[in-house]
Amino acid sequence: MRRLVTGVDDQGRSRVVENEELTTGTDAPAAQHVFRTPSKPPPARPQGTGAFRDLGVPPGILQVYLVHMPPNAEHANHHTDTVDVDTILGGGGEIVLDDGAHTLAPGDCVVVNGVDHAWRAGPDGLTFTAVVLGTPPPLEP
């Protein structure tokens, strides 16, 4: 399993700030830390340039989605007032950030910290869970 965590660079562009292989033990049950928000509620998202998509999740509220995208489907660049922990269950595809496209396969996990992003499903479609935690809206610049 691979874990990607998103953030922004000094110019406010969305990018991967962490990319780590997570390993699991083979002989005994084990739990490995994947992600923890730094505060309660989580911090507001950075200002974005993509379309704002209101998921209707208030700050501090957790919501879980099962998302399926058919083969070669695309979801346009957008940002949300949420921290999303997305785990790829089937198929494959890409998350597209300002720093480029990042290929995702079953078992991979990506933490989207409210940054601009788009999705592209591969030829087999893309199915993932999205655990979504509401954050406050960003402060006005």
Protein backbone atom coordinates (compact mmCIF):
# COMPACT_ATOMS: atom_id res chain seq x y z
CA MET A 1 0.00 0.00 0.00
CA ARG A 2 1.19 3.47 -0.85
CA ARG A 3 0.11 6.62 1.01
CA LEU A 4 0.09 10.04 -0.66
CA VAL A 5 -0.61 13.19 1.36
CA THR A 6 -1.47 16.43 -0.45
CA GLY A 7 -0.61 20.00 0.46
CA VAL A 8 0.47 23.20 -1.28
CA ASP A 9 3.81 24.72 -2.26
CA ASP A 10 4.92 28.34 -1.59
CA GLN A 11 2.86 29.53 -4.57
CA GLY A 12 -0.30 27.80 -3.28
CA ARG A 13 -0.25 25.05 -5.94
CA SER A 14 -1.53 21.61 -4.96
CA ARG A 15 1.12 18.91 -4.74
CA VAL A 16 2.09 15.66 -3.03
CA VAL A 17 3.94 16.50 0.19
CA GLU A 18 4.39 12.89 1.38
CA ASN A 19 4.69 9.67 -0.63
CA GLU A 20 5.36 6.57 1.46
CA GLU A 21 5.12 2.81 1.06
CA LEU A 22 3.23 1.26 3.98
CA THR A 23 4.05 -2.32 4.86
CA THR A 24 2.02 -4.85 6.74
CA GLY A 25 3.28 -7.76 8.81
CA THR A 26 2.77 -11.25 7.53
CA ASP A 27 2.73 -13.32 10.71
CA ALA A 28 0.60 -11.36 13.20
CA PRO A 29 -2.21 -8.81 13.28
CA ALA A 30 -0.86 -5.28 13.06
CA ALA A 31 -2.11 -1.69 12.74
CA GLN A 32 -0.11 1.02 11.04
CA HIS A 33 -0.71 4.77 11.37
CA VAL A 34 -1.94 6.26 8.09
CA PHE A 35 -2.95 9.87 8.90
CA ARG A 36 -4.02 12.15 11.76
CA THR A 37 -5.40 15.66 11.49
CA PRO A 38 -3.22 18.22 13.33
CA SER A 39 -6.09 19.94 15.17
CA LYS A 40 -9.75 19.74 16.11
CA PRO A 41 -11.46 20.76 13.93
CA PRO A 42 -8.90 20.27 11.15
CA PRO A 43 -7.42 23.47 9.70
CA ALA A 44 -9.19 25.34 6.91
CA ARG A 45 -8.20 24.38 3.38
CA PRO A 46 -5.87 26.59 1.38
CA GLN A 47 -7.35 28.99 -1.19
CA GLY A 48 -8.00 27.09 -4.41
CA THR A 49 -8.30 27.95 -8.08
CA GLY A 50 -10.51 25.02 -9.13
CA ALA A 51 -14.28 25.03 -8.71
CA PHE A 52 -15.51 24.78 -5.11
CA ARG A 53 -17.60 21.67 -4.52
CA ASP A 54 -19.72 21.87 -1.37
CA LEU A 55 -20.07 18.35 0.05
CA GLY A 56 -22.31 19.68 2.83
CA VAL A 57 -20.09 18.24 5.59
CA PRO A 58 -19.88 20.66 8.57
CA PRO A 59 -16.54 21.15 10.40
CA GLY A 60 -15.74 18.17 12.61
CA ILE A 61 -18.36 15.88 11.04
CA LEU A 62 -17.24 12.62 9.42
CA GLN A 63 -18.94 11.21 6.34
CA VAL A 64 -18.04 8.09 4.32
CA TYR A 65 -18.66 7.58 0.60
CA LEU A 66 -18.20 4.66 -1.76
CA VAL A 67 -17.26 6.22 -5.11
CA HIS A 68 -17.34 4.46 -8.46
CA MET A 69 -16.18 6.04 -11.70
CA PRO A 70 -16.79 4.14 -14.94
CA PRO A 71 -13.90 3.38 -17.30
CA ASN A 72 -12.02 6.48 -18.50
CA ALA A 73 -14.36 8.88 -16.65
CA GLU A 74 -12.99 12.20 -15.45
CA HIS A 75 -13.99 14.49 -12.59
CA ALA A 76 -12.94 18.11 -13.19
CA ASN A 77 -10.52 20.08 -11.02
CA HIS A 78 -12.15 21.14 -7.74
CA HIS A 79 -11.56 21.65 -4.01
CA THR A 80 -13.69 21.07 -0.91
CA ASP A 81 -13.86 22.20 2.72
CA THR A 82 -12.85 18.70 3.83
CA VAL A 83 -9.94 16.41 4.55
CA ASP A 84 -10.52 13.25 2.50
CA VAL A 85 -8.86 9.89 3.11
CA ASP A 86 -9.43 7.97 -0.12
CA THR A 87 -8.52 4.28 -0.43
CA ILE A 88 -8.53 2.63 -3.84
CA LEU A 89 -10.54 -0.61 -3.79
CA GLY A 90 -10.67 -1.59 -7.45
CA GLY A 91 -9.67 -0.59 -10.93
CA GLY A 92 -7.18 2.24 -11.05
CA GLY A 93 -6.66 5.78 -12.17
CA GLU A 94 -5.02 9.05 -11.32
CA ILE A 95 -5.41 11.96 -8.96
CA VAL A 96 -4.34 15.10 -10.77
CA LEU A 97 -2.74 17.92 -8.76
CA ASP A 98 -0.99 21.08 -9.87
CA ASP A 99 2.30 19.11 -9.74
CA GLY A 100 0.96 16.50 -12.19
CA ALA A 101 -0.92 13.21 -12.31
CA HIS A 102 -0.26 10.51 -9.68
CA THR A 103 -1.20 6.94 -10.58
CA LEU A 104 -3.22 5.03 -8.00
CA ALA A 105 -3.81 1.28 -7.78
CA PRO A 106 -5.87 -0.94 -5.45
CA GLY A 107 -4.64 -0.60 -1.88
CA ASP A 108 -3.22 2.91 -2.37
CA CYS A 109 -4.42 5.67 -0.07
CA VAL A 110 -4.40 9.41 -0.74
CA VAL A 111 -5.09 12.13 1.84
CA VAL A 112 -6.58 15.18 0.10
CA ASN A 113 -6.25 18.19 2.40
CA GLY A 114 -8.85 20.38 0.66
CA VAL A 115 -6.47 21.18 -2.21
CA ASP A 116 -7.31 21.53 -5.90
CA HIS A 117 -7.52 18.08 -7.49
CA ALA A 118 -9.16 16.13 -10.30
CA TRP A 119 -9.77 12.40 -10.83
CA ARG A 120 -9.24 10.22 -13.91
CA ALA A 121 -10.45 6.63 -13.99
CA GLY A 122 -8.43 4.07 -15.89
CA PRO A 123 -9.71 1.59 -18.50
CA ASP A 124 -11.11 -0.68 -15.74
CA GLY A 125 -12.89 2.17 -13.93
CA LEU A 126 -12.06 3.37 -10.43
CA THR A 127 -13.71 2.43 -7.13
CA PHE A 128 -12.65 3.93 -3.82
CA THR A 129 -13.86 4.78 -0.36
CA ALA A 130 -13.74 8.41 0.67
CA VAL A 131 -13.70 9.09 4.40
CA VAL A 132 -14.47 12.81 4.55
CA LEU A 133 -13.97 15.11 7.55
CA GLY A 134 -15.47 18.60 7.37
CA THR A 135 -13.17 21.61 7.90
CA PRO A 136 -13.88 25.32 8.33
CA PRO A 137 -13.90 27.37 5.12
CA PRO A 138 -10.69 29.24 4.36
CA LEU A 139 -10.11 32.70 5.74
CA GLU A 140 -10.59 35.50 3.23
CA PRO A 141 -7.22 36.57 1.72
